[in-house]
């Protein structure tokens, strides 16, 4: 079986914290998509705090919980 990636809000560059679309200024769900989709860095099995742009800096939304192996939905590629 071949698995494929779909264009959803989860892999769109317009997705920001708390599942907010910064282009449409509204909350989105995991299965939402729209015509304005713009592919961004998506989560994968290697995504963790250790390779997140926010890790160890003030923009981290969970600084007390963050650790090398933790995964969260604020993840952004370094």
PDB file of N, CA and C in Angstrom:
ATOM      1  N   UNK A   1       0.840  -1.169   0.000  1.00  0.00           N
ATOM      2  CA  UNK A   1       0.000   0.000   0.000  1.00  0.00           C
ATOM      3  C   UNK A   1       0.892   1.240   0.000  1.00  0.00           C
ATOM      4  N   UNK A   2       0.592   2.183  -0.867  1.00  0.00           N
ATOM      5  CA  UNK A   2       1.340   3.431  -0.931  1.00  0.00           C
ATOM      6  C   UNK A   2       0.538   4.528  -0.230  1.00  0.00           C
ATOM      7  N   UNK A   3       1.165   5.192   0.735  1.00  0.00           N
ATOM      8  CA  UNK A   3       0.512   6.300   1.419  1.00  0.00           C
ATOM      9  C   UNK A   3       0.910   7.605   0.759  1.00  0.00           C
ATOM     10  N   UNK A   4      -0.035   8.517   0.652  1.00  0.00           N
ATOM     11  CA  UNK A   4       0.238   9.792   0.037  1.00  0.00           C
ATOM     12  C   UNK A   4      -0.123  10.929   0.984  1.00  0.00           C
ATOM     13  N   UNK A   5       0.513  12.064   0.791  1.00  0.00           N
ATOM     14  CA  UNK A   5       0.203  13.253   1.569  1.00  0.00           C
ATOM     15  C   UNK A   5      -0.842  14.062   0.823  1.00  0.00           C
ATOM     16  N   UNK A   6      -1.803  14.587   1.559  1.00  0.00           N
ATOM     17  CA  UNK A   6      -2.820  15.435   0.959  1.00  0.00           C
ATOM     18  C   UNK A   6      -2.579  16.882   1.383  1.00  0.00           C
ATOM     19  N   UNK A   7      -3.079  17.788   0.606  1.00  0.00           N
ATOM     20  CA  UNK A   7      -2.975  19.195   0.956  1.00  0.00           C
ATOM     21  C   UNK A   7      -4.074  19.537   1.944  1.00  0.00           C
ATOM     22  N   UNK A   8      -3.709  19.633   3.199  1.00  0.00           N
ATOM     23  CA  UNK A   8      -4.660  20.005   4.236  1.00  0.00           C
ATOM     24  C   UNK A   8      -4.085  21.182   5.008  1.00  0.00           C
ATOM     25  N   UNK A   9      -4.868  21.720   5.898  1.00  0.00           N
ATOM     26  CA  UNK A   9      -4.387  22.859   6.693  1.00  0.00           C
ATOM     27  C   UNK A   9      -3.173  22.492   7.543  1.00  0.00           C
ATOM     28  N   UNK A  10      -3.006  21.224   7.878  1.00  0.00           N
ATOM     29  CA  UNK A  10      -1.868  20.822   8.707  1.00  0.00           C
ATOM     30  C   UNK A  10      -0.526  20.998   8.019  1.00  0.00           C
ATOM     31  N   UNK A  11      -0.482  20.937   6.700  1.00  0.00           N
ATOM     32  CA  UNK A  11       0.795  21.126   6.023  1.00  0.00           C
ATOM     33  C   UNK A  11       0.808  22.410   5.190  1.00  0.00           C
ATOM     34  N   UNK A  12       0.012  23.381   5.611  1.00  0.00           N
ATOM     35  CA  UNK A  12      -0.047  24.676   4.931  1.00  0.00           C
ATOM     36  C   UNK A  12       0.801  25.695   5.684  1.00  0.00           C
ATOM     37  N   UNK A  13       1.515  26.524   4.946  1.00  0.00           N
ATOM     38  CA  UNK A  13       2.359  27.529   5.596  1.00  0.00           C
ATOM     39  C   UNK A  13       1.547  28.617   6.305  1.00  0.00           C
ATOM     40  N   UNK A  14       0.244  28.680   6.063  1.00  0.00           N
ATOM     41  CA  UNK A  14      -0.610  29.677   6.721  1.00  0.00           C
ATOM     42  C   UNK A  14      -1.081  29.237   8.104  1.00  0.00           C
ATOM     43  N   UNK A  15      -0.805  27.996   8.498  1.00  0.00           N
ATOM     44  CA  UNK A  15      -1.227  27.501   9.806  1.00  0.00           C
ATOM     45  C   UNK A  15      -0.301  28.046  10.891  1.00  0.00           C
ATOM     46  N   UNK A  16      -0.898  28.640  11.917  1.00  0.00           N
ATOM     47  CA  UNK A  16      -0.128  29.121  13.056  1.00  0.00           C
ATOM     48  C   UNK A  16      -0.645  28.452  14.318  1.00  0.00           C
ATOM     49  N   UNK A  17      -0.132  28.836  15.454  1.00  0.00           N
ATOM     50  CA  UNK A  17      -0.490  28.205  16.722  1.00  0.00           C
ATOM     51  C   UNK A  17      -1.988  28.096  16.944  1.00  0.00           C
ATOM     52  N   UNK A  18      -2.354  27.075  17.704  1.00  0.00           N
ATOM     53  CA  UNK A  18      -3.751  26.821  18.072  1.00  0.00           C
ATOM     54  C   UNK A  18      -4.650  26.578  16.864  1.00  0.00           C
ATOM     55  N   UNK A  19      -4.078  26.051  15.791  1.00  0.00           N
ATOM     56  CA  UNK A  19      -4.823  25.720  14.574  1.00  0.00           C
ATOM     57  C   UNK A  19      -5.554  26.920  13.986  1.00  0.00           C
ATOM     58  N   UNK A  20      -4.884  28.056  13.950  1.00  0.00           N
ATOM     59  CA  UNK A  20      -5.441  29.268  13.354  1.00  0.00           C
ATOM     60  C   UNK A  20      -4.825  29.461  11.970  1.00  0.00           C
ATOM     61  N   UNK A  21      -5.679  29.730  10.985  1.00  0.00           N
ATOM     62  CA  UNK A  21      -5.199  30.065   9.647  1.00  0.00           C
ATOM     63  C   UNK A  21      -4.939  31.566   9.640  1.00  0.00           C
ATOM     64  N   UNK A  22      -3.670  31.945   9.418  1.00  0.00           N
ATOM     65  CA  UNK A  22      -3.341  33.371   9.447  1.00  0.00           C
ATOM     66  C   UNK A  22      -3.857  34.104   8.211  1.00  0.00           C
ATOM     67  N   UNK A  23      -4.130  33.383   7.146  1.00  0.00           N
ATOM     68  CA  UNK A  23      -4.662  34.026   5.935  1.00  0.00           C
ATOM     69  C   UNK A  23      -6.147  34.317   6.062  1.00  0.00           C
ATOM     70  N   UNK A  24      -6.894  33.371   6.639  1.00  0.00           N
ATOM     71  CA  UNK A  24      -8.345  33.527   6.755  1.00  0.00           C
ATOM     72  C   UNK A  24      -8.794  33.928   8.164  1.00  0.00           C
ATOM     73  N   UNK A  25      -7.836  33.985   9.093  1.00  0.00           N
ATOM     74  CA  UNK A  25      -8.110  34.384  10.468  1.00  0.00           C
ATOM     75  C   UNK A  25      -9.256  33.586  11.092  1.00  0.00           C
ATOM     76  N   UNK A  26      -9.154  32.263  10.998  1.00  0.00           N
ATOM     77  CA  UNK A  26     -10.155  31.393  11.610  1.00  0.00           C
ATOM     78  C   UNK A  26      -9.521  30.085  12.040  1.00  0.00           C
ATOM     79  N   UNK A  27     -10.171  29.413  12.967  1.00  0.00           N
ATOM     80  CA  UNK A  27      -9.711  28.122  13.448  1.00  0.00           C
ATOM     81  C   UNK A  27     -10.012  27.054  12.400  1.00  0.00           C
ATOM     82  N   UNK A  28      -9.060  26.150  12.201  1.00  0.00           N
ATOM     83  CA  UNK A  28      -9.240  25.064  11.240  1.00  0.00           C
ATOM     84  C   UNK A  28      -9.102  23.716  11.958  1.00  0.00           C
ATOM     85  N   UNK A  29      -9.574  22.677  11.314  1.00  0.00           N
ATOM     86  CA  UNK A  29      -9.478  21.322  11.849  1.00  0.00           C
ATOM     87  C   UNK A  29      -8.456  20.532  11.033  1.00  0.00           C
ATOM     88  N   UNK A  30      -8.121  19.355  11.527  1.00  0.00           N
ATOM     89  CA  UNK A  30      -7.107  18.527  10.872  1.00  0.00           C
ATOM     90  C   UNK A  30      -7.477  18.153   9.438  1.00  0.00           C
ATOM     91  N   UNK A  31      -8.754  18.052   9.148  1.00  0.00           N
ATOM     92  CA  UNK A  31      -9.171  17.602   7.822  1.00  0.00           C
ATOM     93  C   UNK A  31      -9.634  18.744   6.915  1.00  0.00           C
ATOM     94  N   UNK A  32      -9.416  20.000   7.304  1.00  0.00           N
ATOM     95  CA  UNK A  32      -9.792  21.131   6.463  1.00  0.00           C
ATOM     96  C   UNK A  32      -8.746  21.391   5.377  1.00  0.00           C
ATOM     97  N   UNK A  33      -9.202  21.982   4.283  1.00  0.00           N
ATOM     98  CA  UNK A  33      -8.310  22.454   3.234  1.00  0.00           C
ATOM     99  C   UNK A  33      -9.031  23.568   2.497  1.00  0.00           C
ATOM    100  N   UNK A  34      -8.297  24.342   1.707  1.00  0.00           N
ATOM    101  CA  UNK A  34      -8.936  25.416   0.947  1.00  0.00           C
ATOM    102  C   UNK A  34      -8.159  25.674  -0.332  1.00  0.00           C
ATOM    103  N   UNK A  35      -8.689  26.543  -1.179  1.00  0.00           N
ATOM    104  CA  UNK A  35      -8.061  26.879  -2.454  1.00  0.00           C
ATOM    105  C   UNK A  35      -6.777  27.684  -2.269  1.00  0.00           C
ATOM    106  N   UNK A  36      -6.581  28.295  -1.108  1.00  0.00           N
ATOM    107  CA  UNK A  36      -5.404  29.123  -0.852  1.00  0.00           C
ATOM    108  C   UNK A  36      -4.245  28.329  -0.261  1.00  0.00           C
ATOM    109  N   UNK A  37      -4.355  27.010  -0.260  1.00  0.00           N
ATOM    110  CA  UNK A  37      -3.329  26.160   0.342  1.00  0.00           C
ATOM    111  C   UNK A  37      -1.964  26.449  -0.258  1.00  0.00           C
ATOM    112  N   UNK A  38      -0.994  26.610   0.626  1.00  0.00           N
ATOM    113  CA  UNK A  38       0.390  26.808   0.205  1.00  0.00           C
ATOM    114  C   UNK A  38       1.245  25.871   1.038  1.00  0.00           C
ATOM    115  N   UNK A  39       1.824  24.868   0.397  1.00  0.00           N
ATOM    116  CA  UNK A  39       2.562  23.829   1.101  1.00  0.00           C
ATOM    117  C   UNK A  39       3.699  24.413   1.922  1.00  0.00           C
ATOM    118  N   UNK A  40       3.721  24.032   3.179  1.00  0.00           N
ATOM    119  CA  UNK A  40       4.783  24.461   4.074  1.00  0.00           C
ATOM    120  C   UNK A  40       5.512  23.252   4.621  1.00  0.00           C
ATOM    121  N   UNK A  41       6.393  23.474   5.563  1.00  0.00           N
ATOM    122  CA  UNK A  41       7.105  22.369   6.204  1.00  0.00           C
ATOM    123  C   UNK A  41       6.097  21.559   7.008  1.00  0.00           C
ATOM    124  N   UNK A  42       6.004  20.295   6.737  1.00  0.00           N
ATOM    125  CA  UNK A  42       5.022  19.481   7.439  1.00  0.00           C
ATOM    126  C   UNK A  42       5.688  18.613   8.495  1.00  0.00           C
ATOM    127  N   UNK A  43       4.868  18.154   9.417  1.00  0.00           N
ATOM    128  CA  UNK A  43       5.330  17.267  10.462  1.00  0.00           C
ATOM    129  C   UNK A  43       5.736  15.938   9.854  1.00  0.00           C
ATOM    130  N   UNK A  44       6.701  15.295  10.487  1.00  0.00           N
ATOM    131  CA  UNK A  44       7.042  13.942  10.093  1.00  0.00           C
ATOM    132  C   UNK A  44       7.527  13.204  11.332  1.00  0.00           C
ATOM    133  N   UNK A  45       7.895  11.947  11.183  1.00  0.00           N
ATOM    134  CA  UNK A  45       8.259  11.139  12.347  1.00  0.00           C
ATOM    135  C   UNK A  45       9.510  11.653  13.048  1.00  0.00           C
ATOM    136  N   UNK A  46      10.302  12.481  12.394  1.00  0.00           N
ATOM    137  CA  UNK A  46      11.511  13.024  13.005  1.00  0.00           C
ATOM    138  C   UNK A  46      11.317  14.416  13.599  1.00  0.00           C
ATOM    139  N   UNK A  47      10.111  14.955  13.529  1.00  0.00           N
ATOM    140  CA  UNK A  47       9.834  16.281  14.074  1.00  0.00           C
ATOM    141  C   UNK A  47       9.788  16.211  15.595  1.00  0.00           C
ATOM    142  N   UNK A  48      10.584  17.028  16.244  1.00  0.00           N
ATOM    143  CA  UNK A  48      10.603  17.067  17.709  1.00  0.00           C
ATOM    144  C   UNK A  48      11.142  18.417  18.155  1.00  0.00           C
ATOM    145  N   UNK A  49      11.126  18.653  19.444  1.00  0.00           N
ATOM    146  CA  UNK A  49      11.658  19.911  19.969  1.00  0.00           C
ATOM    147  C   UNK A  49      13.112  20.122  19.554  1.00  0.00           C
ATOM    148  N   UNK A  50      13.877  19.047  19.464  1.00  0.00           N
ATOM    149  CA  UNK A  50      15.306  19.188  19.175  1.00  0.00           C
ATOM    150  C   UNK A  50      15.586  19.805  17.812  1.00  0.00           C
ATOM    151  N   UNK A  51      14.644  19.705  16.873  1.00  0.00           N
ATOM    152  CA  UNK A  51      14.861  20.325  15.562  1.00  0.00           C
ATOM    153  C   UNK A  51      13.766  21.350  15.240  1.00  0.00           C
ATOM    154  N   UNK A  52      13.217  21.940  16.284  1.00  0.00           N
ATOM    155  CA  UNK A  52      12.157  22.947  16.128  1.00  0.00           C
ATOM    156  C   UNK A  52      12.739  24.352  16.250  1.00  0.00           C
ATOM    157  N   UNK A  53      12.270  25.230  15.422  1.00  0.00           N
ATOM    158  CA  UNK A  53      12.679  26.631  15.436  1.00  0.00           C
ATOM    159  C   UNK A  53      12.431  27.284  16.802  1.00  0.00           C
ATOM    160  N   UNK A  54      11.360  26.892  17.484  1.00  0.00           N
ATOM    161  CA  UNK A  54      10.962  27.508  18.752  1.00  0.00           C
ATOM    162  C   UNK A  54      11.698  26.960  19.978  1.00  0.00           C
ATOM    163  N   UNK A  55      12.390  25.823  19.846  1.00  0.00           N
ATOM    164  CA  UNK A  55      12.994  25.153  21.002  1.00  0.00           C
ATOM    165  C   UNK A  55      14.072  26.016  21.655  1.00  0.00           C
ATOM    166  N   UNK A  56      13.878  26.272  22.935  1.00  0.00           N
ATOM    167  CA  UNK A  56      14.861  27.013  23.715  1.00  0.00           C
ATOM    168  C   UNK A  56      14.826  28.523  23.540  1.00  0.00           C
ATOM    169  N   UNK A  57      13.828  29.017  22.840  1.00  0.00           N
ATOM    170  CA  UNK A  57      13.708  30.470  22.668  1.00  0.00           C
ATOM    171  C   UNK A  57      12.349  30.940  23.183  1.00  0.00           C
ATOM    172  N   UNK A  58      12.192  32.232  23.292  1.00  0.00           N
ATOM    173  CA  UNK A  58      10.989  32.809  23.887  1.00  0.00           C
ATOM    174  C   UNK A  58       9.696  32.460  23.151  1.00  0.00           C
ATOM    175  N   UNK A  59       9.766  32.176  21.865  1.00  0.00           N
ATOM    176  CA  UNK A  59       8.557  31.874  21.090  1.00  0.00           C
ATOM    177  C   UNK A  59       7.996  30.475  21.357  1.00  0.00           C
ATOM    178  N   UNK A  60       8.695  29.642  22.127  1.00  0.00           N
ATOM    179  CA  UNK A  60       8.203  28.297  22.464  1.00  0.00           C
ATOM    180  C   UNK A  60       6.957  28.427  23.334  1.00  0.00           C
ATOM    181  N   UNK A  61       5.871  27.797  22.920  1.00  0.00           N
ATOM    182  CA  UNK A  61       4.613  27.913  23.657  1.00  0.00           C
ATOM    183  C   UNK A  61       4.552  27.002  24.878  1.00  0.00           C
ATOM    184  N   UNK A  62       5.444  26.025  24.964  1.00  0.00           N
ATOM    185  CA  UNK A  62       5.449  25.073  26.086  1.00  0.00           C
ATOM    186  C   UNK A  62       6.861  24.925  26.645  1.00  0.00           C
ATOM    187  N   UNK A  63       7.482  25.994  27.097  1.00  0.00           N
ATOM    188  CA  UNK A  63       8.886  25.909  27.527  1.00  0.00           C
ATOM    189  C   UNK A  63       9.127  24.973  28.703  1.00  0.00           C
ATOM    190  N   UNK A  64       8.148  24.815  29.580  1.00  0.00           N
ATOM    191  CA  UNK A  64       8.309  23.928  30.741  1.00  0.00           C
ATOM    192  C   UNK A  64       8.246  22.461  30.341  1.00  0.00           C
ATOM    193  N   UNK A  65       7.483  22.142  29.300  1.00  0.00           N
ATOM    194  CA  UNK A  65       7.309  20.754  28.870  1.00  0.00           C
ATOM    195  C   UNK A  65       8.280  20.331  27.780  1.00  0.00           C
ATOM    196  N   UNK A  66       8.859  21.288  27.070  1.00  0.00           N
ATOM    197  CA  UNK A  66       9.695  20.986  25.909  1.00  0.00           C
ATOM    198  C   UNK A  66      10.902  20.128  26.277  1.00  0.00           C
ATOM    199  N   UNK A  67      11.157  19.115  25.448  1.00  0.00           N
ATOM    200  CA  UNK A  67      12.324  18.254  25.626  1.00  0.00           C
ATOM    201  C   UNK A  67      12.764  17.758  24.253  1.00  0.00           C
ATOM    202  N   UNK A  68      13.942  17.178  24.171  1.00  0.00           N
ATOM    203  CA  UNK A  68      14.489  16.742  22.886  1.00  0.00           C
ATOM    204  C   UNK A  68      13.567  15.825  22.088  1.00  0.00           C
ATOM    205  N   UNK A  69      12.797  14.980  22.751  1.00  0.00           N
ATOM    206  CA  UNK A  69      11.982  14.005  22.035  1.00  0.00           C
ATOM    207  C   UNK A  69      10.502  14.367  21.967  1.00  0.00           C
ATOM    208  N   UNK A  70      10.107  15.500  22.535  1.00  0.00           N
ATOM    209  CA  UNK A  70       8.690  15.884  22.532  1.00  0.00           C
ATOM    210  C   UNK A  70       8.269  16.368  21.149  1.00  0.00           C
ATOM    211  N   UNK A  71       7.033  16.097  20.798  1.00  0.00           N
ATOM    212  CA  UNK A  71       6.433  16.567  19.560  1.00  0.00           C
ATOM    213  C   UNK A  71       5.215  17.399  19.915  1.00  0.00           C
ATOM    214  N   UNK A  72       5.065  18.562  19.288  1.00  0.00           N
ATOM    215  CA  UNK A  72       3.855  19.366  19.517  1.00  0.00           C
ATOM    216  C   UNK A  72       3.434  20.019  18.213  1.00  0.00           C
ATOM    217  N   UNK A  73       2.249  20.583  18.200  1.00  0.00           N
ATOM    218  CA  UNK A  73       1.724  21.159  16.963  1.00  0.00           C
ATOM    219  C   UNK A  73       2.230  22.568  16.675  1.00  0.00           C
ATOM    220  N   UNK A  74       3.148  23.081  17.475  1.00  0.00           N
ATOM    221  CA  UNK A  74       3.797  24.367  17.198  1.00  0.00           C
ATOM    222  C   UNK A  74       5.109  24.148  16.461  1.00  0.00           C
ATOM    223  N   UNK A  75       5.418  22.897  16.134  1.00  0.00           N
ATOM    224  CA  UNK A  75       6.692  22.569  15.516  1.00  0.00           C
ATOM    225  C   UNK A  75       6.890  23.345  14.227  1.00  0.00           C
ATOM    226  N   UNK A  76       8.090  23.875  14.056  1.00  0.00           N
ATOM    227  CA  UNK A  76       8.460  24.588  12.832  1.00  0.00           C
ATOM    228  C   UNK A  76       9.919  24.246  12.532  1.00  0.00           C
ATOM    229  N   UNK A  77      10.200  23.923  11.293  1.00  0.00           N
ATOM    230  CA  UNK A  77      11.549  23.519  10.903  1.00  0.00           C
ATOM    231  C   UNK A  77      12.546  24.649  11.172  1.00  0.00           C
ATOM    232  N   UNK A  78      13.736  24.265  11.640  1.00  0.00           N
ATOM    233  CA  UNK A  78      14.808  25.240  11.864  1.00  0.00           C
ATOM    234  C   UNK A  78      15.361  25.730  10.565  1.00  0.00           C
TER     235      UNK A  78
END
